[in-house]
Amino acid sequence: APLVRLETLRLADRVPICVGTTWLSAARFPDAAAIYQRTGSMTK
């Protein structure tokens, strides 16, 4: 099935804490990359 793969960096006070690879259903979450880039938050 088609997926969206996101590569993210998370920081605390500009200090890098973790890098992550996230997979989501492309059918369920179209444009997920653009939304995350705008919000900078998985929850948002």
ModelCIF file with pLDDT and N, C-alpha, C, O atoms, coordinates in Angstrom:
data_MODEL
#
_entry.id   MODEL 
#
_entity.id                         1 
_entity.type                       polymer 
_entity.pdbx_number_of_molecules   1 
#
_entity_poly.entity_id                      1 
_entity_poly.type                           'polypeptide(L)' 
_entity_poly.nstd_linkage                   no 
_entity_poly.nstd_monomer                   no 
_entity_poly.pdbx_seq_one_letter_code       APLVRLETLRLADRVPICVGTTWLSAARFPDAAAIYQRTGSMTK 
_entity_poly.pdbx_seq_one_letter_code_can   APLVRLETLRLADRVPICVGTTWLSAARFPDAAAIYQRTGSMTK 
_entity_poly.pdbx_strand_id                 A 
#
loop_
_entity_poly_seq.entity_id 
_entity_poly_seq.num 
_entity_poly_seq.mon_id 
_entity_poly_seq.hetero 
1 1  ALA n 
1 2  PRO n 
1 3  LEU n 
1 4  VAL n 
1 5  ARG n 
1 6  LEU n 
1 7  GLU n 
1 8  THR n 
1 9  LEU n 
1 10 ARG n 
1 11 LEU n 
1 12 ALA n 
1 13 ASP n 
1 14 ARG n 
1 15 VAL n 
1 16 PRO n 
1 17 ILE n 
1 18 CYS n 
1 19 VAL n 
1 20 GLY n 
1 21 THR n 
1 22 THR n 
1 23 TRP n 
1 24 LEU n 
1 25 SER n 
1 26 ALA n 
1 27 ALA n 
1 28 ARG n 
1 29 PHE n 
1 30 PRO n 
1 31 ASP n 
1 32 ALA n 
1 33 ALA n 
1 34 ALA n 
1 35 ILE n 
1 36 TYR n 
1 37 GLN n 
1 38 ARG n 
1 39 THR n 
1 40 GLY n 
1 41 SER n 
1 42 MET n 
1 43 THR n 
1 44 LYS n 
#
_struct_asym.id          A 
_struct_asym.entity_id   1 
#
loop_
_ma_qa_metric.id 
_ma_qa_metric.mode 
_ma_qa_metric.name 
_ma_qa_metric.software_group_id 
_ma_qa_metric.type 
1 global pLDDT . pLDDT 
2 local  pLDDT . pLDDT 
#
_ma_qa_metric_global.metric_id      1 
_ma_qa_metric_global.metric_value   94.05 
_ma_qa_metric_global.model_id       1 
_ma_qa_metric_global.ordinal_id     1 
#
loop_
_ma_qa_metric_local.label_asym_id 
_ma_qa_metric_local.label_comp_id 
_ma_qa_metric_local.label_seq_id 
_ma_qa_metric_local.metric_id 
_ma_qa_metric_local.metric_value 
_ma_qa_metric_local.model_id 
_ma_qa_metric_local.ordinal_id 
A ALA 1  2 98.00 1 1  
A PRO 2  2 98.00 1 2  
A LEU 3  2 98.00 1 3  
A VAL 4  2 98.00 1 4  
A ARG 5  2 98.00 1 5  
A LEU 6  2 98.00 1 6  
A GLU 7  2 98.00 1 7  
A THR 8  2 97.00 1 8  
A LEU 9  2 97.00 1 9  
A ARG 10 2 93.00 1 10 
A LEU 11 2 89.00 1 11 
A ALA 12 2 85.00 1 12 
A ASP 13 2 75.00 1 13 
A ARG 14 2 75.00 1 14 
A VAL 15 2 78.00 1 15 
A PRO 16 2 86.00 1 16 
A ILE 17 2 90.00 1 17 
A CYS 18 2 94.00 1 18 
A VAL 19 2 97.00 1 19 
A GLY 20 2 97.00 1 20 
A THR 21 2 98.00 1 21 
A THR 22 2 98.00 1 22 
A TRP 23 2 98.00 1 23 
A LEU 24 2 98.00 1 24 
A SER 25 2 98.00 1 25 
A ALA 26 2 97.00 1 26 
A ALA 27 2 96.00 1 27 
A ARG 28 2 96.00 1 28 
A PHE 29 2 97.00 1 29 
A PRO 30 2 94.00 1 30 
A ASP 31 2 95.00 1 31 
A ALA 32 2 97.00 1 32 
A ALA 33 2 97.00 1 33 
A ALA 34 2 97.00 1 34 
A ILE 35 2 97.00 1 35 
A TYR 36 2 96.00 1 36 
A GLN 37 2 96.00 1 37 
A ARG 38 2 96.00 1 38 
A THR 39 2 94.00 1 39 
A GLY 40 2 93.00 1 40 
A SER 41 2 93.00 1 41 
A MET 42 2 93.00 1 42 
A THR 43 2 92.00 1 43 
A LYS 44 2 93.00 1 44 
#
loop_
_atom_site.group_PDB 
_atom_site.id 
_atom_site.type_symbol 
_atom_site.label_atom_id 
_atom_site.label_alt_id 
_atom_site.label_comp_id 
_atom_site.label_asym_id 
_atom_site.label_entity_id 
_atom_site.label_seq_id 
_atom_site.pdbx_PDB_ins_code 
_atom_site.Cartn_x 
_atom_site.Cartn_y 
_atom_site.Cartn_z 
_atom_site.occupancy 
_atom_site.B_iso_or_equiv 
_atom_site.pdbx_formal_charge 
_atom_site.auth_seq_id 
_atom_site.auth_comp_id 
_atom_site.auth_asym_id 
_atom_site.auth_atom_id 
_atom_site.pdbx_PDB_model_num 
ATOM 1   N N  . ALA A 1 1  ? 0.850  -1.192 0.000  1.00 98.00 ? 1  ALA A N  1 
ATOM 2   C CA . ALA A 1 1  ? 0.000  0.000  0.000  1.00 98.00 ? 1  ALA A CA 1 
ATOM 3   C C  . ALA A 1 1  ? 0.886  1.243  0.000  1.00 98.00 ? 1  ALA A C  1 
ATOM 4   O O  . ALA A 1 1  ? 1.971  1.220  0.581  1.00 98.00 ? 1  ALA A O  1 
ATOM 5   N N  . PRO A 1 2  ? 0.445  2.334  -0.644 1.00 98.00 ? 2  PRO A N  1 
ATOM 6   C CA . PRO A 1 2  ? 1.260  3.554  -0.675 1.00 98.00 ? 2  PRO A CA 1 
ATOM 7   C C  . PRO A 1 2  ? 1.367  4.202  0.708  1.00 98.00 ? 2  PRO A C  1 
ATOM 8   O O  . PRO A 1 2  ? 0.383  4.323  1.436  1.00 98.00 ? 2  PRO A O  1 
ATOM 9   N N  . LEU A 1 3  ? 2.591  4.613  1.046  1.00 98.00 ? 3  LEU A N  1 
ATOM 10  C CA . LEU A 1 3  ? 2.856  5.264  2.332  1.00 98.00 ? 3  LEU A CA 1 
ATOM 11  C C  . LEU A 1 3  ? 3.554  6.599  2.108  1.00 98.00 ? 3  LEU A C  1 
ATOM 12  O O  . LEU A 1 3  ? 4.142  6.848  1.055  1.00 98.00 ? 3  LEU A O  1 
ATOM 13  N N  . VAL A 1 4  ? 3.472  7.444  3.124  1.00 98.00 ? 4  VAL A N  1 
ATOM 14  C CA . VAL A 1 4  ? 4.274  8.665  3.194  1.00 98.00 ? 4  VAL A CA 1 
ATOM 15  C C  . VAL A 1 4  ? 5.374  8.415  4.222  1.00 98.00 ? 4  VAL A C  1 
ATOM 16  O O  . VAL A 1 4  ? 5.113  7.932  5.324  1.00 98.00 ? 4  VAL A O  1 
ATOM 17  N N  . ARG A 1 5  ? 6.585  8.745  3.853  1.00 98.00 ? 5  ARG A N  1 
ATOM 18  C CA . ARG A 1 5  ? 7.730  8.596  4.778  1.00 98.00 ? 5  ARG A CA 1 
ATOM 19  C C  . ARG A 1 5  ? 8.270  9.983  5.098  1.00 98.00 ? 5  ARG A C  1 
ATOM 20  O O  . ARG A 1 5  ? 8.609  10.751 4.198  1.00 98.00 ? 5  ARG A O  1 
ATOM 21  N N  . LEU A 1 6  ? 8.346  10.294 6.394  1.00 98.00 ? 6  LEU A N  1 
ATOM 22  C CA . LEU A 1 6  ? 8.858  11.580 6.856  1.00 98.00 ? 6  LEU A CA 1 
ATOM 23  C C  . LEU A 1 6  ? 10.169 11.376 7.612  1.00 98.00 ? 6  LEU A C  1 
ATOM 24  O O  . LEU A 1 6  ? 10.287 10.459 8.425  1.00 98.00 ? 6  LEU A O  1 
ATOM 25  N N  . GLU A 1 7  ? 11.139 12.224 7.344  1.00 98.00 ? 7  GLU A N  1 
ATOM 26  C CA . GLU A 1 7  ? 12.383 12.265 8.121  1.00 98.00 ? 7  GLU A CA 1 
ATOM 27  C C  . GLU A 1 7  ? 12.369 13.568 8.913  1.00 98.00 ? 7  GLU A C  1 
ATOM 28  O O  . GLU A 1 7  ? 12.286 14.652 8.336  1.00 98.00 ? 7  GLU A O  1 
ATOM 29  N N  . THR A 1 8  ? 12.448 13.458 10.219 1.00 97.00 ? 8  THR A N  1 
ATOM 30  C CA . THR A 1 8  ? 12.310 14.641 11.063 1.00 97.00 ? 8  THR A CA 1 
ATOM 31  C C  . THR A 1 8  ? 13.463 14.769 12.045 1.00 97.00 ? 8  THR A C  1 
ATOM 32  O O  . THR A 1 8  ? 14.121 13.792 12.402 1.00 97.00 ? 8  THR A O  1 
ATOM 33  N N  . LEU A 1 9  ? 13.683 16.008 12.469 1.00 97.00 ? 9  LEU A N  1 
ATOM 34  C CA . LEU A 1 9  ? 14.653 16.326 13.518 1.00 97.00 ? 9  LEU A CA 1 
ATOM 35  C C  . LEU A 1 9  ? 13.911 17.080 14.599 1.00 97.00 ? 9  LEU A C  1 
ATOM 36  O O  . LEU A 1 9  ? 13.160 18.013 14.312 1.00 97.00 ? 9  LEU A O  1 
ATOM 37  N N  . ARG A 1 10 ? 14.123 16.672 15.862 1.00 93.00 ? 10 ARG A N  1 
ATOM 38  C CA . ARG A 1 10 ? 13.465 17.354 16.979 1.00 93.00 ? 10 ARG A CA 1 
ATOM 39  C C  . ARG A 1 10 ? 14.521 17.919 17.915 1.00 93.00 ? 10 ARG A C  1 
ATOM 40  O O  . ARG A 1 10 ? 15.523 17.278 18.231 1.00 93.00 ? 10 ARG A O  1 
ATOM 41  N N  . LEU A 1 11 ? 14.252 19.152 18.348 1.00 89.00 ? 11 LEU A N  1 
ATOM 42  C CA . LEU A 1 11 ? 15.227 19.884 19.146 1.00 89.00 ? 11 LEU A CA 1 
ATOM 43  C C  . LEU A 1 11 ? 14.599 20.429 20.416 1.00 89.00 ? 11 LEU A C  1 
ATOM 44  O O  . LEU A 1 11 ? 13.388 20.639 20.489 1.00 89.00 ? 11 LEU A O  1 
ATOM 45  N N  . ALA A 1 12 ? 15.442 20.655 21.416 1.00 85.00 ? 12 ALA A N  1 
ATOM 46  C CA . ALA A 1 12 ? 15.045 21.331 22.645 1.00 85.00 ? 12 ALA A CA 1 
ATOM 47  C C  . ALA A 1 12 ? 16.021 22.479 22.857 1.00 85.00 ? 12 ALA A C  1 
ATOM 48  O O  . ALA A 1 12 ? 17.218 22.262 23.040 1.00 85.00 ? 12 ALA A O  1 
ATOM 49  N N  . ASP A 1 13 ? 15.498 23.711 22.831 1.00 75.00 ? 13 ASP A N  1 
ATOM 50  C CA . ASP A 1 13 ? 16.372 24.894 22.920 1.00 75.00 ? 13 ASP A CA 1 
ATOM 51  C C  . ASP A 1 13 ? 17.494 24.834 21.888 1.00 75.00 ? 13 ASP A C  1 
ATOM 52  O O  . ASP A 1 13 ? 18.652 25.113 22.198 1.00 75.00 ? 13 ASP A O  1 
ATOM 53  N N  . ARG A 1 14 ? 17.144 24.473 20.676 1.00 75.00 ? 14 ARG A N  1 
ATOM 54  C CA . ARG A 1 14 ? 18.072 24.413 19.536 1.00 75.00 ? 14 ARG A CA 1 
ATOM 55  C C  . ARG A 1 14 ? 19.084 23.273 19.636 1.00 75.00 ? 14 ARG A C  1 
ATOM 56  O O  . ARG A 1 14 ? 19.944 23.139 18.766 1.00 75.00 ? 14 ARG A O  1 
ATOM 57  N N  . VAL A 1 15 ? 18.996 22.457 20.674 1.00 78.00 ? 15 VAL A N  1 
ATOM 58  C CA . VAL A 1 15 ? 19.881 21.305 20.815 1.00 78.00 ? 15 VAL A CA 1 
ATOM 59  C C  . VAL A 1 15 ? 19.182 20.090 20.192 1.00 78.00 ? 15 VAL A C  1 
ATOM 60  O O  . VAL A 1 15 ? 18.077 19.748 20.612 1.00 78.00 ? 15 VAL A O  1 
ATOM 61  N N  . PRO A 1 16 ? 19.794 19.433 19.204 1.00 86.00 ? 16 PRO A N  1 
ATOM 62  C CA . PRO A 1 16 ? 19.152 18.268 18.593 1.00 86.00 ? 16 PRO A CA 1 
ATOM 63  C C  . PRO A 1 16 ? 19.026 17.117 19.585 1.00 86.00 ? 16 PRO A C  1 
ATOM 64  O O  . PRO A 1 16 ? 20.002 16.725 20.225 1.00 86.00 ? 16 PRO A O  1 
ATOM 65  N N  . ILE A 1 17 ? 17.821 16.586 19.704 1.00 90.00 ? 17 ILE A N  1 
ATOM 66  C CA . ILE A 1 17 ? 17.547 15.499 20.644 1.00 90.00 ? 17 ILE A CA 1 
ATOM 67  C C  . ILE A 1 17 ? 17.374 14.165 19.923 1.00 90.00 ? 17 ILE A C  1 
ATOM 68  O O  . ILE A 1 17 ? 17.928 13.148 20.340 1.00 90.00 ? 17 ILE A O  1 
ATOM 69  N N  . CYS A 1 18 ? 16.596 14.178 18.834 1.00 94.00 ? 18 CYS A N  1 
ATOM 70  C CA . CYS A 1 18 ? 16.385 12.917 18.130 1.00 94.00 ? 18 CYS A CA 1 
ATOM 71  C C  . CYS A 1 18 ? 16.070 13.156 16.664 1.00 94.00 ? 18 CYS A C  1 
ATOM 72  O O  . CYS A 1 18 ? 15.556 14.205 16.278 1.00 94.00 ? 18 CYS A O  1 
ATOM 73  N N  . VAL A 1 19 ? 16.388 12.167 15.870 1.00 97.00 ? 19 VAL A N  1 
ATOM 74  C CA . VAL A 1 19 ? 15.957 12.120 14.478 1.00 97.00 ? 19 VAL A CA 1 
ATOM 75  C C  . VAL A 1 19 ? 15.005 10.940 14.358 1.00 97.00 ? 19 VAL A C  1 
ATOM 76  O O  . VAL A 1 19 ? 15.157 9.929  15.044 1.00 97.00 ? 19 VAL A O  1 
ATOM 77  N N  . GLY A 1 20 ? 14.028 11.082 13.484 1.00 97.00 ? 20 GLY A N  1 
ATOM 78  C CA . GLY A 1 20 ? 13.027 10.031 13.387 1.00 97.00 ? 20 GLY A CA 1 
ATOM 79  C C  . GLY A 1 20 ? 12.571 9.796  11.961 1.00 97.00 ? 20 GLY A C  1 
ATOM 80  O O  . GLY A 1 20 ? 12.541 10.711 11.139 1.00 97.00 ? 20 GLY A O  1 
ATOM 81  N N  . THR A 1 21 ? 12.218 8.559  11.687 1.00 98.00 ? 21 THR A N  1 
ATOM 82  C CA . THR A 1 21 ? 11.588 8.180  10.432 1.00 98.00 ? 21 THR A CA 1 
ATOM 83  C C  . THR A 1 21 ? 10.177 7.741  10.763 1.00 98.00 ? 21 THR A C  1 
ATOM 84  O O  . THR A 1 21 ? 9.976  6.845  11.582 1.00 98.00 ? 21 THR A O  1 
ATOM 85  N N  . THR A 1 22 ? 9.196  8.372  10.125 1.00 98.00 ? 22 THR A N  1 
ATOM 86  C CA . THR A 1 22 ? 7.790  8.093  10.392 1.00 98.00 ? 22 THR A CA 1 
ATOM 87  C C  . THR A 1 22 ? 7.103  7.669  9.105  1.00 98.00 ? 22 THR A C  1 
ATOM 88  O O  . THR A 1 22 ? 7.298  8.274  8.051  1.00 98.00 ? 22 THR A O  1 
ATOM 89  N N  . TRP A 1 23 ? 6.296  6.620  9.207  1.00 98.00 ? 23 TRP A N  1 
ATOM 90  C CA . TRP A 1 23 ? 5.511  6.157  8.063  1.00 98.00 ? 23 TRP A CA 1 
ATOM 91  C C  . TRP A 1 23 ? 4.027  6.307  8.379  1.00 98.00 ? 23 TRP A C  1 
ATOM 92  O O  . TRP A 1 23 ? 3.578  5.985  9.480  1.00 98.00 ? 23 TRP A O  1 
ATOM 93  N N  . LEU A 1 24 ? 3.275  6.799  7.399  1.00 98.00 ? 24 LEU A N  1 
ATOM 94  C CA . LEU A 1 24 ? 1.825  6.939  7.512  1.00 98.00 ? 24 LEU A CA 1 
ATOM 95  C C  . LEU A 1 24 ? 1.189  6.474  6.205  1.00 98.00 ? 24 LEU A C  1 
ATOM 96  O O  . LEU A 1 24 ? 1.836  6.457  5.158  1.00 98.00 ? 24 LEU A O  1 
ATOM 97  N N  . SER A 1 25 ? -0.075 6.099  6.278  1.00 98.00 ? 25 SER A N  1 
ATOM 98  C CA . SER A 1 25 ? -0.824 5.733  5.083  1.00 98.00 ? 25 SER A CA 1 
ATOM 99  C C  . SER A 1 25 ? -1.010 6.958  4.187  1.00 98.00 ? 25 SER A C  1 
ATOM 100 O O  . SER A 1 25 ? -1.502 7.991  4.639  1.00 98.00 ? 25 SER A O  1 
ATOM 101 N N  . ALA A 1 26 ? -0.618 6.841  2.926  1.00 97.00 ? 26 ALA A N  1 
ATOM 102 C CA . ALA A 1 26 ? -0.773 7.964  2.003  1.00 97.00 ? 26 ALA A CA 1 
ATOM 103 C C  . ALA A 1 26 ? -2.244 8.247  1.730  1.00 97.00 ? 26 ALA A C  1 
ATOM 104 O O  . ALA A 1 26 ? -2.622 9.394  1.494  1.00 97.00 ? 26 ALA A O  1 
ATOM 105 N N  . ALA A 1 27 ? -3.072 7.213  1.758  1.00 96.00 ? 27 ALA A N  1 
ATOM 106 C CA . ALA A 1 27 ? -4.504 7.409  1.535  1.00 96.00 ? 27 ALA A CA 1 
ATOM 107 C C  . ALA A 1 27 ? -5.148 8.121  2.717  1.00 96.00 ? 27 ALA A C  1 
ATOM 108 O O  . ALA A 1 27 ? -6.030 8.960  2.533  1.00 96.00 ? 27 ALA A O  1 
ATOM 109 N N  . ARG A 1 28 ? -4.714 7.793  3.922  1.00 96.00 ? 28 ARG A N  1 
ATOM 110 C CA . ARG A 1 28 ? -5.302 8.375  5.127  1.00 96.00 ? 28 ARG A CA 1 
ATOM 111 C C  . ARG A 1 28 ? -4.743 9.767  5.409  1.00 96.00 ? 28 ARG A C  1 
ATOM 112 O O  . ARG A 1 28 ? -5.446 10.617 5.955  1.00 96.00 ? 28 ARG A O  1 
ATOM 113 N N  . PHE A 1 29 ? -3.480 10.005 5.041  1.00 97.00 ? 29 PHE A N  1 
ATOM 114 C CA . PHE A 1 29 ? -2.814 11.266 5.381  1.00 97.00 ? 29 PHE A CA 1 
ATOM 115 C C  . PHE A 1 29 ? -2.133 11.892 4.160  1.00 97.00 ? 29 PHE A C  1 
ATOM 116 O O  . PHE A 1 29 ? -0.908 12.010 4.134  1.00 97.00 ? 29 PHE A O  1 
ATOM 117 N N  . PRO A 1 30 ? -2.901 12.288 3.163  1.00 94.00 ? 30 PRO A N  1 
ATOM 118 C CA . PRO A 1 30 ? -2.296 12.970 2.012  1.00 94.00 ? 30 PRO A CA 1 
ATOM 119 C C  . PRO A 1 30 ? -1.697 14.311 2.452  1.00 94.00 ? 30 PRO A C  1 
ATOM 120 O O  . PRO A 1 30 ? -2.233 14.982 3.335  1.00 94.00 ? 30 PRO A O  1 
ATOM 121 N N  . ASP A 1 31 ? -0.586 14.686 1.828  1.00 95.00 ? 31 ASP A N  1 
ATOM 122 C CA . ASP A 1 31 ? 0.074  15.969 2.132  1.00 95.00 ? 31 ASP A CA 1 
ATOM 123 C C  . ASP A 1 31 ? 0.602  16.042 3.560  1.00 95.00 ? 31 ASP A C  1 
ATOM 124 O O  . ASP A 1 31 ? 0.767  17.133 4.104  1.00 95.00 ? 31 ASP A O  1 
ATOM 125 N N  . ALA A 1 32 ? 0.866  14.889 4.170  1.00 97.00 ? 32 ALA A N  1 
ATOM 126 C CA . ALA A 1 32 ? 1.361  14.893 5.553  1.00 97.00 ? 32 ALA A CA 1 
ATOM 127 C C  . ALA A 1 32 ? 2.682  15.655 5.674  1.00 97.00 ? 32 ALA A C  1 
ATOM 128 O O  . ALA A 1 32 ? 2.912  16.345 6.667  1.00 97.00 ? 32 ALA A O  1 
ATOM 129 N N  . ALA A 1 33 ? 3.542  15.532 4.670  1.00 97.00 ? 33 ALA A N  1 
ATOM 130 C CA . ALA A 1 33 ? 4.837  16.213 4.738  1.00 97.00 ? 33 ALA A CA 1 
ATOM 131 C C  . ALA A 1 33 ? 4.655  17.723 4.787  1.00 97.00 ? 33 ALA A C  1 
ATOM 132 O O  . ALA A 1 33 ? 5.309  18.402 5.579  1.00 97.00 ? 33 ALA A O  1 
ATOM 133 N N  . ALA A 1 34 ? 3.779  18.250 3.952  1.00 97.00 ? 34 ALA A N  1 
ATOM 134 C CA . ALA A 1 34 ? 3.551  19.694 3.921  1.00 97.00 ? 34 ALA A CA 1 
ATOM 135 C C  . ALA A 1 34 ? 2.942  20.185 5.234  1.00 97.00 ? 34 ALA A C  1 
ATOM 136 O O  . ALA A 1 34 ? 3.281  21.263 5.721  1.00 97.00 ? 34 ALA A O  1 
ATOM 137 N N  . ILE A 1 35 ? 2.040  19.383 5.798  1.00 97.00 ? 35 ILE A N  1 
ATOM 138 C CA . ILE A 1 35 ? 1.411  19.782 7.060  1.00 97.00 ? 35 ILE A CA 1 
ATOM 139 C C  . ILE A 1 35 ? 2.444  19.779 8.188  1.00 97.00 ? 35 ILE A C  1 
ATOM 140 O O  . ILE A 1 35 ? 2.474  20.698 9.007  1.00 97.00 ? 35 ILE A O  1 
ATOM 141 N N  . TYR A 1 36 ? 3.286  18.750 8.231  1.00 96.00 ? 36 TYR A N  1 
ATOM 142 C CA . TYR A 1 36 ? 4.301  18.710 9.298  1.00 96.00 ? 36 TYR A CA 1 
ATOM 143 C C  . TYR A 1 36 ? 5.311  19.845 9.120  1.00 96.00 ? 36 TYR A C  1 
ATOM 144 O O  . TYR A 1 36 ? 5.730  20.465 10.097 1.00 96.00 ? 36 TYR A O  1 
ATOM 145 N N  . GLN A 1 37 ? 5.697  20.113 7.888  1.00 96.00 ? 37 GLN A N  1 
ATOM 146 C CA . GLN A 1 37 ? 6.661  21.190 7.663  1.00 96.00 ? 37 GLN A CA 1 
ATOM 147 C C  . GLN A 1 37 ? 6.108  22.522 8.158  1.00 96.00 ? 37 GLN A C  1 
ATOM 148 O O  . GLN A 1 37 ? 6.853  23.350 8.681  1.00 96.00 ? 37 GLN A O  1 
ATOM 149 N N  . ARG A 1 38 ? 4.818  22.727 7.995  1.00 96.00 ? 38 ARG A N  1 
ATOM 150 C CA . ARG A 1 38 ? 4.205  23.981 8.427  1.00 96.00 ? 38 ARG A CA 1 
ATOM 151 C C  . ARG A 1 38 ? 4.039  24.054 9.937  1.00 96.00 ? 38 ARG A C  1 
ATOM 152 O O  . ARG A 1 38 ? 4.228  25.117 10.529 1.00 96.00 ? 38 ARG A O  1 
ATOM 153 N N  . THR A 1 39 ? 3.688  22.935 10.567 1.00 94.00 ? 39 THR A N  1 
ATOM 154 C CA . THR A 1 39 ? 3.381  22.949 11.997 1.00 94.00 ? 39 THR A CA 1 
ATOM 155 C C  . THR A 1 39 ? 4.553  22.577 12.885 1.00 94.00 ? 39 THR A C  1 
ATOM 156 O O  . THR A 1 39 ? 4.630  23.035 14.025 1.00 94.00 ? 39 THR A O  1 
ATOM 157 N N  . GLY A 1 40 ? 5.483  21.743 12.379 1.00 93.00 ? 40 GLY A N  1 
ATOM 158 C CA . GLY A 1 40 ? 6.605  21.287 13.190 1.00 93.00 ? 40 GLY A CA 1 
ATOM 159 C C  . GLY A 1 40 ? 6.193  20.406 14.351 1.00 93.00 ? 40 GLY A C  1 
ATOM 160 O O  . GLY A 1 40 ? 6.909  20.306 15.347 1.00 93.00 ? 40 GLY A O  1 
ATOM 161 N N  . SER A 1 41 ? 5.023  19.757 14.225 1.00 93.00 ? 41 SER A N  1 
ATOM 162 C CA . SER A 1 41 ? 4.491  18.958 15.337 1.00 93.00 ? 41 SER A CA 1 
ATOM 163 C C  . SER A 1 41 ? 3.671  17.802 14.798 1.00 93.00 ? 41 SER A C  1 
ATOM 164 O O  . SER A 1 41 ? 2.793  17.991 13.956 1.00 93.00 ? 41 SER A O  1 
ATOM 165 N N  . MET A 1 42 ? 3.964  16.592 15.292 1.00 93.00 ? 42 MET A N  1 
ATOM 166 C CA . MET A 1 42 ? 3.172  15.430 14.917 1.00 93.00 ? 42 MET A CA 1 
ATOM 167 C C  . MET A 1 42 ? 1.741  15.563 15.430 1.00 93.00 ? 42 MET A C  1 
ATOM 168 O O  . MET A 1 42 ? 0.790  15.212 14.732 1.00 93.00 ? 42 MET A O  1 
ATOM 169 N N  . THR A 1 43 ? 1.595  16.068 16.646 1.00 92.00 ? 43 THR A N  1 
ATOM 170 C CA . THR A 1 43 ? 0.261  16.225 17.230 1.00 92.00 ? 43 THR A CA 1 
ATOM 171 C C  . THR A 1 43 ? -0.587 17.186 16.399 1.00 92.00 ? 43 THR A C  1 
ATOM 172 O O  . THR A 1 43 ? -1.757 16.911 16.132 1.00 92.00 ? 43 THR A O  1 
ATOM 173 N N  . LYS A 1 44 ? -0.003 18.310 15.992 1.00 93.00 ? 44 LYS A N  1 
ATOM 174 C CA . LYS A 1 44 ? -0.737 19.282 15.177 1.00 93.00 ? 44 LYS A CA 1 
ATOM 175 C C  . LYS A 1 44 ? -1.014 18.736 13.785 1.00 93.00 ? 44 LYS A C  1 
ATOM 176 O O  . LYS A 1 44 ? -1.623 19.420 12.963 1.00 93.00 ? 44 LYS A O  1 
#
